[in-house]
């Protein structure tokens, strides 16, 4: 059984996103994405990213990239004021 993070990363990889793209959107390192994807593929008993779409079930998660940056507000560490341009 896949963990929620493995499911999320596998679904995004199945949709054709690169490890680097997934990492930047989920605020992870590329190495962490690679680790979770390798675990997911091992648990699904597949050895290729091309096999991911067929191996994932509908409850495996969304195949679209969540844009978590929209929920993020940057603030100045010194005064706490919101920073523009984010």
N, C-alpha and C. Protein backbone atom coordinates (compact mmCIF):
# COMPACT_ATOMS: atom_id res chain seq x y z
N UNK A 1 0.84 -1.18 0.00
CA UNK A 1 0.00 0.00 0.00
C UNK A 1 0.88 1.25 0.00
N UNK A 2 0.55 2.20 -0.86
CA UNK A 2 1.34 3.42 -0.97
C UNK A 2 0.98 4.41 0.13
N UNK A 3 1.99 5.12 0.60
CA UNK A 3 1.73 6.21 1.55
C UNK A 3 1.10 7.36 0.77
N UNK A 4 0.47 8.30 1.47
CA UNK A 4 -0.13 9.44 0.75
C UNK A 4 0.89 10.21 -0.09
N UNK A 5 2.10 10.41 0.40
CA UNK A 5 3.13 11.14 -0.34
C UNK A 5 3.58 10.33 -1.56
N UNK A 6 3.77 9.03 -1.39
CA UNK A 6 4.15 8.18 -2.52
C UNK A 6 3.06 8.20 -3.59
N UNK A 7 1.82 8.15 -3.17
CA UNK A 7 0.68 8.18 -4.10
C UNK A 7 0.65 9.49 -4.87
N UNK A 8 0.86 10.60 -4.15
CA UNK A 8 0.85 11.92 -4.77
C UNK A 8 1.97 12.06 -5.80
N UNK A 9 3.16 11.66 -5.44
CA UNK A 9 4.31 11.78 -6.34
C UNK A 9 4.17 10.83 -7.52
N UNK A 10 3.72 9.61 -7.28
CA UNK A 10 3.53 8.65 -8.37
C UNK A 10 2.48 9.13 -9.37
N UNK A 11 1.41 9.74 -8.87
CA UNK A 11 0.36 10.25 -9.77
C UNK A 11 0.90 11.40 -10.63
N UNK A 12 1.71 12.25 -10.04
CA UNK A 12 2.28 13.36 -10.80
C UNK A 12 3.29 12.86 -11.82
N UNK A 13 4.09 11.86 -11.45
CA UNK A 13 5.05 11.28 -12.39
C UNK A 13 4.30 10.58 -13.52
N UNK A 14 3.21 9.91 -13.20
CA UNK A 14 2.41 9.22 -14.22
C UNK A 14 1.81 10.22 -15.21
N UNK A 15 1.55 11.44 -14.75
CA UNK A 15 1.00 12.48 -15.62
C UNK A 15 2.08 13.11 -16.49
N UNK A 16 3.33 12.69 -16.32
CA UNK A 16 4.41 13.15 -17.18
C UNK A 16 5.30 14.23 -16.61
N UNK A 17 5.15 14.55 -15.34
CA UNK A 17 5.98 15.58 -14.73
C UNK A 17 7.34 15.01 -14.33
N UNK A 18 8.37 15.83 -14.45
CA UNK A 18 9.72 15.40 -14.08
C UNK A 18 9.90 15.47 -12.57
N UNK A 19 10.94 14.78 -12.08
CA UNK A 19 11.25 14.82 -10.65
C UNK A 19 11.51 16.26 -10.20
N UNK A 20 12.23 17.01 -11.00
CA UNK A 20 12.56 18.40 -10.65
C UNK A 20 11.30 19.25 -10.56
N UNK A 21 10.38 19.07 -11.50
CA UNK A 21 9.13 19.84 -11.50
C UNK A 21 8.28 19.48 -10.28
N UNK A 22 8.19 18.19 -9.99
CA UNK A 22 7.43 17.73 -8.82
C UNK A 22 8.05 18.31 -7.55
N UNK A 23 9.37 18.25 -7.47
CA UNK A 23 10.08 18.74 -6.28
C UNK A 23 9.81 20.22 -6.05
N UNK A 24 9.86 21.01 -7.11
CA UNK A 24 9.66 22.45 -6.92
C UNK A 24 8.23 22.77 -6.53
N UNK A 25 7.27 22.05 -7.05
CA UNK A 25 5.87 22.31 -6.71
C UNK A 25 5.51 21.85 -5.31
N UNK A 26 6.13 20.76 -4.85
CA UNK A 26 5.81 20.23 -3.52
C UNK A 26 6.78 20.69 -2.44
N UNK A 27 7.71 21.57 -2.83
CA UNK A 27 8.72 22.08 -1.90
C UNK A 27 9.53 20.96 -1.26
N UNK A 28 10.02 20.05 -2.12
CA UNK A 28 10.88 18.95 -1.71
C UNK A 28 12.16 19.00 -2.53
N UNK A 29 13.14 18.22 -2.15
CA UNK A 29 14.34 18.11 -2.98
C UNK A 29 14.08 17.06 -4.06
N UNK A 30 14.83 17.14 -5.14
CA UNK A 30 14.70 16.15 -6.21
C UNK A 30 15.05 14.76 -5.69
N UNK A 31 15.98 14.71 -4.78
CA UNK A 31 16.38 13.44 -4.20
C UNK A 31 15.25 12.80 -3.39
N UNK A 32 14.49 13.61 -2.67
CA UNK A 32 13.35 13.11 -1.90
C UNK A 32 12.27 12.58 -2.83
N UNK A 33 12.02 13.29 -3.93
CA UNK A 33 11.04 12.83 -4.91
C UNK A 33 11.49 11.49 -5.49
N UNK A 34 12.77 11.41 -5.83
CA UNK A 34 13.31 10.16 -6.38
C UNK A 34 13.13 9.00 -5.39
N UNK A 35 13.37 9.27 -4.12
CA UNK A 35 13.22 8.26 -3.06
C UNK A 35 11.77 7.76 -2.97
N UNK A 36 10.81 8.69 -2.90
CA UNK A 36 9.41 8.31 -2.79
C UNK A 36 8.92 7.59 -4.05
N UNK A 37 9.38 8.04 -5.20
CA UNK A 37 8.97 7.41 -6.45
C UNK A 37 9.53 5.99 -6.54
N UNK A 38 10.76 5.80 -6.13
CA UNK A 38 11.36 4.45 -6.14
C UNK A 38 10.60 3.52 -5.20
N UNK A 39 10.22 4.02 -4.03
CA UNK A 39 9.44 3.20 -3.09
C UNK A 39 8.07 2.84 -3.68
N UNK A 40 7.43 3.81 -4.31
CA UNK A 40 6.11 3.56 -4.91
C UNK A 40 6.22 2.52 -6.02
N UNK A 41 7.24 2.66 -6.86
CA UNK A 41 7.40 1.72 -7.97
C UNK A 41 7.72 0.31 -7.46
N UNK A 42 8.50 0.23 -6.38
CA UNK A 42 8.80 -1.09 -5.79
C UNK A 42 7.52 -1.72 -5.25
N UNK A 43 6.70 -0.93 -4.53
CA UNK A 43 5.46 -1.44 -3.96
C UNK A 43 4.45 -1.83 -5.04
N UNK A 44 4.47 -1.13 -6.18
CA UNK A 44 3.56 -1.43 -7.28
C UNK A 44 4.11 -2.54 -8.18
N UNK A 45 5.34 -2.98 -7.89
CA UNK A 45 6.02 -4.04 -8.65
C UNK A 45 6.15 -3.67 -10.12
N UNK A 46 6.62 -2.45 -10.36
CA UNK A 46 6.90 -1.99 -11.72
C UNK A 46 8.32 -1.46 -11.76
N UNK A 47 8.90 -1.36 -12.96
CA UNK A 47 10.27 -0.89 -13.06
C UNK A 47 10.44 0.24 -14.08
N UNK A 48 9.35 0.88 -14.48
CA UNK A 48 9.42 1.96 -15.44
C UNK A 48 8.34 3.00 -15.15
N UNK A 49 8.67 4.27 -15.37
CA UNK A 49 7.69 5.34 -15.20
C UNK A 49 6.53 5.16 -16.18
N UNK A 50 6.79 4.56 -17.31
CA UNK A 50 5.74 4.33 -18.31
C UNK A 50 4.66 3.38 -17.81
N UNK A 51 4.98 2.56 -16.83
CA UNK A 51 4.02 1.61 -16.28
C UNK A 51 3.16 2.24 -15.19
N UNK A 52 3.52 3.42 -14.73
CA UNK A 52 2.79 4.06 -13.62
C UNK A 52 1.31 4.27 -13.90
N UNK A 53 0.91 4.85 -15.06
CA UNK A 53 -0.52 5.10 -15.25
C UNK A 53 -1.38 3.85 -15.13
N UNK A 54 -0.92 2.74 -15.66
CA UNK A 54 -1.70 1.50 -15.58
C UNK A 54 -1.67 0.90 -14.18
N UNK A 55 -0.59 1.13 -13.45
CA UNK A 55 -0.44 0.53 -12.11
C UNK A 55 -1.22 1.28 -11.04
N UNK A 56 -1.47 2.56 -11.27
CA UNK A 56 -2.17 3.36 -10.27
C UNK A 56 -3.67 3.16 -10.39
N UNK A 57 -4.32 3.09 -9.26
CA UNK A 57 -5.77 2.95 -9.22
C UNK A 57 -6.39 4.33 -9.06
N UNK A 58 -7.69 4.49 -9.30
CA UNK A 58 -8.32 5.82 -9.18
C UNK A 58 -8.12 6.48 -7.82
N UNK A 59 -8.02 5.71 -6.77
CA UNK A 59 -7.84 6.32 -5.45
C UNK A 59 -6.39 6.71 -5.18
N UNK A 60 -5.53 6.56 -6.19
CA UNK A 60 -4.12 6.90 -6.02
C UNK A 60 -3.87 8.39 -5.95
N UNK A 61 -4.83 9.20 -6.30
CA UNK A 61 -4.66 10.64 -6.14
C UNK A 61 -4.77 11.38 -7.44
N UNK A 62 -4.76 12.70 -7.36
CA UNK A 62 -4.92 13.53 -8.54
C UNK A 62 -3.68 13.49 -9.42
N UNK A 63 -3.88 13.61 -10.72
CA UNK A 63 -2.77 13.64 -11.66
C UNK A 63 -2.42 15.06 -12.06
N UNK A 64 -3.05 16.03 -11.45
CA UNK A 64 -2.75 17.42 -11.75
C UNK A 64 -1.79 17.97 -10.72
N UNK A 65 -1.05 18.97 -11.11
CA UNK A 65 -0.08 19.58 -10.21
C UNK A 65 -0.77 20.57 -9.29
N UNK A 66 -0.73 20.32 -7.99
CA UNK A 66 -1.30 21.32 -7.09
C UNK A 66 -0.38 22.53 -7.04
N UNK A 67 -0.93 23.71 -7.06
CA UNK A 67 -0.11 24.91 -6.98
C UNK A 67 -0.15 25.41 -5.55
N UNK A 68 0.76 24.92 -4.76
CA UNK A 68 0.78 25.27 -3.34
C UNK A 68 1.34 26.67 -3.10
N UNK A 69 1.95 27.24 -4.12
CA UNK A 69 2.49 28.58 -3.97
C UNK A 69 1.39 29.61 -3.75
N UNK A 70 0.20 29.36 -4.26
CA UNK A 70 -0.90 30.30 -4.11
C UNK A 70 -1.29 30.47 -2.64
N UNK A 71 -1.07 29.43 -1.84
CA UNK A 71 -1.42 29.49 -0.43
C UNK A 71 -0.29 30.06 0.42
N UNK A 72 0.84 30.34 -0.19
CA UNK A 72 2.03 30.76 0.54
C UNK A 72 2.12 32.28 0.62
N UNK A 73 2.35 32.81 1.79
CA UNK A 73 2.57 34.24 1.96
C UNK A 73 3.94 34.43 2.57
N UNK A 74 4.81 35.17 1.88
CA UNK A 74 6.14 35.46 2.40
C UNK A 74 6.07 36.67 3.32
N UNK A 75 6.79 36.60 4.40
CA UNK A 75 6.83 37.71 5.36
C UNK A 75 8.28 38.01 5.71
N UNK A 76 8.53 39.26 5.99
CA UNK A 76 9.85 39.69 6.41
C UNK A 76 10.15 39.05 7.77
N UNK A 77 11.32 38.46 7.91
CA UNK A 77 11.68 37.80 9.16
C UNK A 77 11.88 38.80 10.29
N UNK A 78 12.26 40.01 9.95
CA UNK A 78 12.53 41.02 10.97
C UNK A 78 11.26 41.68 11.47
N UNK A 79 10.38 42.13 10.56
CA UNK A 79 9.21 42.90 10.99
C UNK A 79 7.88 42.17 10.79
N UNK A 80 7.85 41.09 10.01
CA UNK A 80 6.62 40.35 9.81
C UNK A 80 5.73 40.89 8.70
N UNK A 81 6.15 41.96 8.03
CA UNK A 81 5.36 42.56 6.95
C UNK A 81 5.33 41.63 5.73
N UNK A 82 4.18 41.56 5.03
CA UNK A 82 4.08 40.76 3.83
C UNK A 82 5.00 41.31 2.76
N UNK A 83 5.64 40.41 2.02
CA UNK A 83 6.55 40.80 0.96
C UNK A 83 5.85 40.73 -0.37
N UNK A 84 6.06 41.69 -1.21
CA UNK A 84 5.40 41.75 -2.52
C UNK A 84 6.08 40.83 -3.52
N UNK A 85 5.33 40.46 -4.55
CA UNK A 85 5.89 39.68 -5.65
C UNK A 85 5.89 38.19 -5.43
N UNK A 86 5.16 37.68 -4.47
CA UNK A 86 5.15 36.23 -4.23
C UNK A 86 3.82 35.68 -4.48
